[in-house]
Amino acid sequence: MRRSVQFPAPPDRDPGTARPEPLRTEFTFELPRGYVDESGTVHRSGVMRLATARDELVPLRDDRVRENSAYLSVVLISRVVTRIGTVEDIHPGVIEDLFASDLAFLQDFYRRINAEGHTRAAVTCPSCDEEFAVDLAGGRPGES
């Protein structure tokens, strides 16, 4: 059962007078397994930017997508991921070389930041049934 969690305004701000936060267009993430480059180096941290309409339209003209619609997510993710570790030339070949769990993570991350506008998810502890929020961007406890 999915439950929604409301996040209160920070204590130093009055919700009635607070100015809206600036639009956040880039989101950091931490891949579950990591991208392994040609030299064997594992890259886990990365950045994904918000998608534009063009990002969603251009892949539809790609011959690889026309031949295999499942390739759409590979092309789309390669357009919006700007960095994985020290790798900044992100192209479909890089995304193809990700482990399946990392691609699934990026697909879900894309959906969260573009459709829902945040990277937090409400979860329930399976042991004690306590509800709390986690940040899917991969931040560690205590990090801002």
C-alpha atoms as a PDB file:
ATOM      1  CA  MET A   1       0.000   0.000   0.000  1.00  0.00           C
ATOM      2  CA  ARG A   2       1.483   3.329  -1.065  1.00  0.00           C
ATOM      3  CA  ARG A   3       1.208   6.213   1.365  1.00  0.00           C
ATOM      4  CA  SER A   4       2.031   9.823   0.760  1.00  0.00           C
ATOM      5  CA  VAL A   5       4.303  11.789   3.022  1.00  0.00           C
ATOM      6  CA  GLN A   6       4.137  15.551   3.388  1.00  0.00           C
ATOM      7  CA  PHE A   7       7.384  17.369   4.014  1.00  0.00           C
ATOM      8  CA  PRO A   8       7.007  20.418   6.271  1.00  0.00           C
ATOM      9  CA  ALA A   9       8.714  23.719   5.501  1.00  0.00           C
ATOM     10  CA  PRO A  10      12.144  24.131   7.110  1.00  0.00           C
ATOM     11  CA  PRO A  11      11.807  25.529  10.650  1.00  0.00           C
ATOM     12  CA  ASP A  12      13.510  28.835   9.788  1.00  0.00           C
ATOM     13  CA  ARG A  13      10.886  29.676   7.172  1.00  0.00           C
ATOM     14  CA  ASP A  14       7.279  30.745   7.574  1.00  0.00           C
ATOM     15  CA  PRO A  15       5.324  28.828   4.892  1.00  0.00           C
ATOM     16  CA  GLY A  16       3.048  31.824   4.367  1.00  0.00           C
ATOM     17  CA  THR A  17       5.882  34.215   3.506  1.00  0.00           C
ATOM     18  CA  ALA A  18       8.512  31.911   2.034  1.00  0.00           C
ATOM     19  CA  ARG A  19       9.573  32.585  -1.530  1.00  0.00           C
ATOM     20  CA  PRO A  20       9.410  29.592  -3.834  1.00  0.00           C
ATOM     21  CA  GLU A  21      12.651  27.680  -4.100  1.00  0.00           C
ATOM     22  CA  PRO A  22      14.514  28.139  -7.393  1.00  0.00           C
ATOM     23  CA  LEU A  23      13.859  25.499 -10.014  1.00  0.00           C
ATOM     24  CA  ARG A  24      16.284  22.651  -9.580  1.00  0.00           C
ATOM     25  CA  THR A  25      17.377  21.296 -12.977  1.00  0.00           C
ATOM     26  CA  GLU A  26      20.154  18.874 -12.006  1.00  0.00           C
ATOM     27  CA  PHE A  27      19.982  15.955  -9.609  1.00  0.00           C
ATOM     28  CA  THR A  28      22.825  13.838  -8.300  1.00  0.00           C
ATOM     29  CA  PHE A  29      22.487  10.090  -7.958  1.00  0.00           C
ATOM     30  CA  GLU A  30      24.427   7.053  -6.806  1.00  0.00           C
ATOM     31  CA  LEU A  31      24.164   3.938  -8.994  1.00  0.00           C
ATOM     32  CA  PRO A  32      23.476   0.691  -7.107  1.00  0.00           C
ATOM     33  CA  ARG A  33      26.336  -1.182  -8.854  1.00  0.00           C
ATOM     34  CA  GLY A  34      28.174   1.336 -11.031  1.00  0.00           C
ATOM     35  CA  TYR A  35      29.379   1.819 -14.570  1.00  0.00           C
ATOM     36  CA  VAL A  36      32.593  -0.069 -15.351  1.00  0.00           C
ATOM     37  CA  ASP A  37      34.698   1.741 -17.975  1.00  0.00           C
ATOM     38  CA  GLU A  38      37.207   0.201 -20.423  1.00  0.00           C
ATOM     39  CA  SER A  39      40.004   0.327 -17.851  1.00  0.00           C
ATOM     40  CA  GLY A  40      37.925  -1.438 -15.192  1.00  0.00           C
ATOM     41  CA  THR A  41      37.245   1.665 -13.083  1.00  0.00           C
ATOM     42  CA  VAL A  42      33.832   1.668 -11.404  1.00  0.00           C
ATOM     43  CA  HIS A  43      31.890   4.946 -11.513  1.00  0.00           C
ATOM     44  CA  ARG A  44      28.842   5.261  -9.237  1.00  0.00           C
ATOM     45  CA  SER A  45      27.991   8.921  -8.632  1.00  0.00           C
ATOM     46  CA  GLY A  46      26.416  10.928 -11.408  1.00  0.00           C
ATOM     47  CA  VAL A  47      24.189  13.784 -12.474  1.00  0.00           C
ATOM     48  CA  MET A  48      20.899  13.757 -14.349  1.00  0.00           C
ATOM     49  CA  ARG A  49      19.241  16.910 -15.622  1.00  0.00           C
ATOM     50  CA  LEU A  50      15.561  17.549 -16.167  1.00  0.00           C
ATOM     51  CA  ALA A  51      14.338  16.417 -19.572  1.00  0.00           C
ATOM     52  CA  THR A  52      13.079  18.808 -22.207  1.00  0.00           C
ATOM     53  CA  ALA A  53      10.380  18.111 -24.759  1.00  0.00           C
ATOM     54  CA  ARG A  54      13.164  17.707 -27.324  1.00  0.00           C
ATOM     55  CA  ASP A  55      14.802  15.028 -25.177  1.00  0.00           C
ATOM     56  CA  GLU A  56      11.619  12.992 -25.396  1.00  0.00           C
ATOM     57  CA  LEU A  57      10.968  13.644 -29.106  1.00  0.00           C
ATOM     58  CA  VAL A  58      14.416  13.181 -30.678  1.00  0.00           C
ATOM     59  CA  PRO A  59      14.770   9.494 -29.719  1.00  0.00           C
ATOM     60  CA  LEU A  60      11.556   8.725 -31.618  1.00  0.00           C
ATOM     61  CA  ARG A  61      13.400   9.548 -34.872  1.00  0.00           C
ATOM     62  CA  ASP A  62      16.341   7.279 -33.980  1.00  0.00           C
ATOM     63  CA  ASP A  63      16.528   4.204 -36.234  1.00  0.00           C
ATOM     64  CA  ARG A  64      17.535   1.996 -33.286  1.00  0.00           C
ATOM     65  CA  VAL A  65      14.335   2.997 -31.484  1.00  0.00           C
ATOM     66  CA  ARG A  66      12.228   2.432 -34.615  1.00  0.00           C
ATOM     67  CA  GLU A  67      13.646  -1.087 -34.893  1.00  0.00           C
ATOM     68  CA  ASN A  68      13.302  -1.861 -31.200  1.00  0.00           C
ATOM     69  CA  SER A  69      11.047   0.311 -29.022  1.00  0.00           C
ATOM     70  CA  ALA A  70      12.793  -0.981 -25.875  1.00  0.00           C
ATOM     71  CA  TYR A  71      15.845   1.027 -26.980  1.00  0.00           C
ATOM     72  CA  LEU A  72      13.930   4.263 -26.356  1.00  0.00           C
ATOM     73  CA  SER A  73      14.911   4.368 -22.691  1.00  0.00           C
ATOM     74  CA  VAL A  74      18.600   3.859 -23.540  1.00  0.00           C
ATOM     75  CA  VAL A  75      18.625   6.837 -25.919  1.00  0.00           C
ATOM     76  CA  LEU A  76      16.511   8.981 -23.610  1.00  0.00           C
ATOM     77  CA  ILE A  77      18.615   8.282 -20.516  1.00  0.00           C
ATOM     78  CA  SER A  78      21.801   8.985 -22.486  1.00  0.00           C
ATOM     79  CA  ARG A  79      20.458  12.450 -23.349  1.00  0.00           C
ATOM     80  CA  VAL A  80      19.713  13.492 -19.753  1.00  0.00           C
ATOM     81  CA  VAL A  81      22.576  11.905 -17.791  1.00  0.00           C
ATOM     82  CA  THR A  82      25.390  14.445 -17.928  1.00  0.00           C
ATOM     83  CA  ARG A  83      28.005  12.597 -15.886  1.00  0.00           C
ATOM     84  CA  ILE A  84      28.719   9.211 -14.349  1.00  0.00           C
ATOM     85  CA  GLY A  85      31.803   9.403 -12.147  1.00  0.00           C
ATOM     86  CA  THR A  86      34.481  11.079 -14.256  1.00  0.00           C
ATOM     87  CA  VAL A  87      32.797  10.058 -17.523  1.00  0.00           C
ATOM     88  CA  GLU A  88      31.181  13.117 -19.108  1.00  0.00           C
ATOM     89  CA  ASP A  89      30.673  11.816 -22.645  1.00  0.00           C
ATOM     90  CA  ILE A  90      27.455   9.938 -21.973  1.00  0.00           C
ATOM     91  CA  HIS A  91      26.081   8.303 -25.133  1.00  0.00           C
ATOM     92  CA  PRO A  92      23.845   5.275 -25.758  1.00  0.00           C
ATOM     93  CA  GLY A  93      26.889   2.964 -25.711  1.00  0.00           C
ATOM     94  CA  VAL A  94      27.654   3.946 -22.118  1.00  0.00           C
ATOM     95  CA  ILE A  95      24.054   3.328 -21.054  1.00  0.00           C
ATOM     96  CA  GLU A  96      24.065  -0.039 -22.893  1.00  0.00           C
ATOM     97  CA  ASP A  97      27.058  -1.092 -20.794  1.00  0.00           C
ATOM     98  CA  LEU A  98      25.322  -0.427 -17.469  1.00  0.00           C
ATOM     99  CA  PHE A  99      24.190  -3.346 -15.361  1.00  0.00           C
ATOM    100  CA  ALA A 100      20.437  -3.966 -15.694  1.00  0.00           C
ATOM    101  CA  SER A 101      19.846  -2.876 -12.089  1.00  0.00           C
ATOM    102  CA  ASP A 102      21.576   0.464 -12.769  1.00  0.00           C
ATOM    103  CA  LEU A 103      19.495   1.066 -15.910  1.00  0.00           C
ATOM    104  CA  ALA A 104      16.319   0.279 -13.954  1.00  0.00           C
ATOM    105  CA  PHE A 105      17.456   2.694 -11.235  1.00  0.00           C
ATOM    106  CA  LEU A 106      18.043   5.479 -13.796  1.00  0.00           C
ATOM    107  CA  GLN A 107      14.667   4.847 -15.449  1.00  0.00           C
ATOM    108  CA  ASP A 108      12.919   5.186 -12.094  1.00  0.00           C
ATOM    109  CA  PHE A 109      15.039   8.212 -11.179  1.00  0.00           C
ATOM    110  CA  TYR A 110      14.105   9.855 -14.511  1.00  0.00           C
ATOM    111  CA  ARG A 111      10.421   9.258 -13.831  1.00  0.00           C
ATOM    112  CA  ARG A 112      10.663  10.676 -10.328  1.00  0.00           C
ATOM    113  CA  ILE A 113      12.448  13.907 -11.181  1.00  0.00           C
ATOM    114  CA  ASN A 114      10.510  14.603 -14.383  1.00  0.00           C
ATOM    115  CA  ALA A 115       7.015  13.499 -13.407  1.00  0.00           C
ATOM    116  CA  GLU A 116       6.974  14.011  -9.673  1.00  0.00           C
ATOM    117  CA  GLY A 117       9.600  16.725  -9.306  1.00  0.00           C
ATOM    118  CA  HIS A 118      11.545  15.222  -6.419  1.00  0.00           C
ATOM    119  CA  THR A 119      13.753  12.299  -5.514  1.00  0.00           C
ATOM    120  CA  ARG A 120      12.153  11.370  -2.184  1.00  0.00           C
ATOM    121  CA  ALA A 121      10.053   8.262  -1.702  1.00  0.00           C
ATOM    122  CA  ALA A 122       7.850   7.238   1.197  1.00  0.00           C
ATOM    123  CA  VAL A 123       8.770   3.834   2.603  1.00  0.00           C
ATOM    124  CA  THR A 124       7.727   1.631   5.496  1.00  0.00           C
ATOM    125  CA  CYS A 125      10.181  -0.377   7.566  1.00  0.00           C
ATOM    126  CA  PRO A 126       9.335  -4.078   7.120  1.00  0.00           C
ATOM    127  CA  SER A 127      10.405  -4.848  10.704  1.00  0.00           C
ATOM    128  CA  CYS A 128       8.721  -2.134  12.777  1.00  0.00           C
ATOM    129  CA  ASP A 129       6.192  -0.648  10.293  1.00  0.00           C
ATOM    130  CA  GLU A 130       7.534   2.869  10.906  1.00  0.00           C
ATOM    131  CA  GLU A 131       7.047   5.215   7.967  1.00  0.00           C
ATOM    132  CA  PHE A 132       9.807   7.535   6.769  1.00  0.00           C
ATOM    133  CA  ALA A 133      11.172   9.123   3.596  1.00  0.00           C
ATOM    134  CA  VAL A 134      14.332   8.230   1.731  1.00  0.00           C
ATOM    135  CA  ASP A 135      16.159  10.230  -0.914  1.00  0.00           C
ATOM    136  CA  LEU A 136      16.695   8.077  -3.991  1.00  0.00           C
ATOM    137  CA  ALA A 137      19.458  10.386  -5.152  1.00  0.00           C
ATOM    138  CA  GLY A 138      21.798   8.373  -2.932  1.00  0.00           C
ATOM    139  CA  GLY A 139      22.661  10.903  -0.252  1.00  0.00           C
ATOM    140  CA  ARG A 140      24.061   9.531   2.949  1.00  0.00           C
ATOM    141  CA  PRO A 141      22.460  10.262   6.317  1.00  0.00           C
ATOM    142  CA  GLY A 142      23.565  13.661   7.549  1.00  0.00           C
ATOM    143  CA  GLU A 143      24.598  14.901   4.094  1.00  0.00           C
ATOM    144  CA  SER A 144      22.897  17.913   2.623  1.00  0.00           C
END
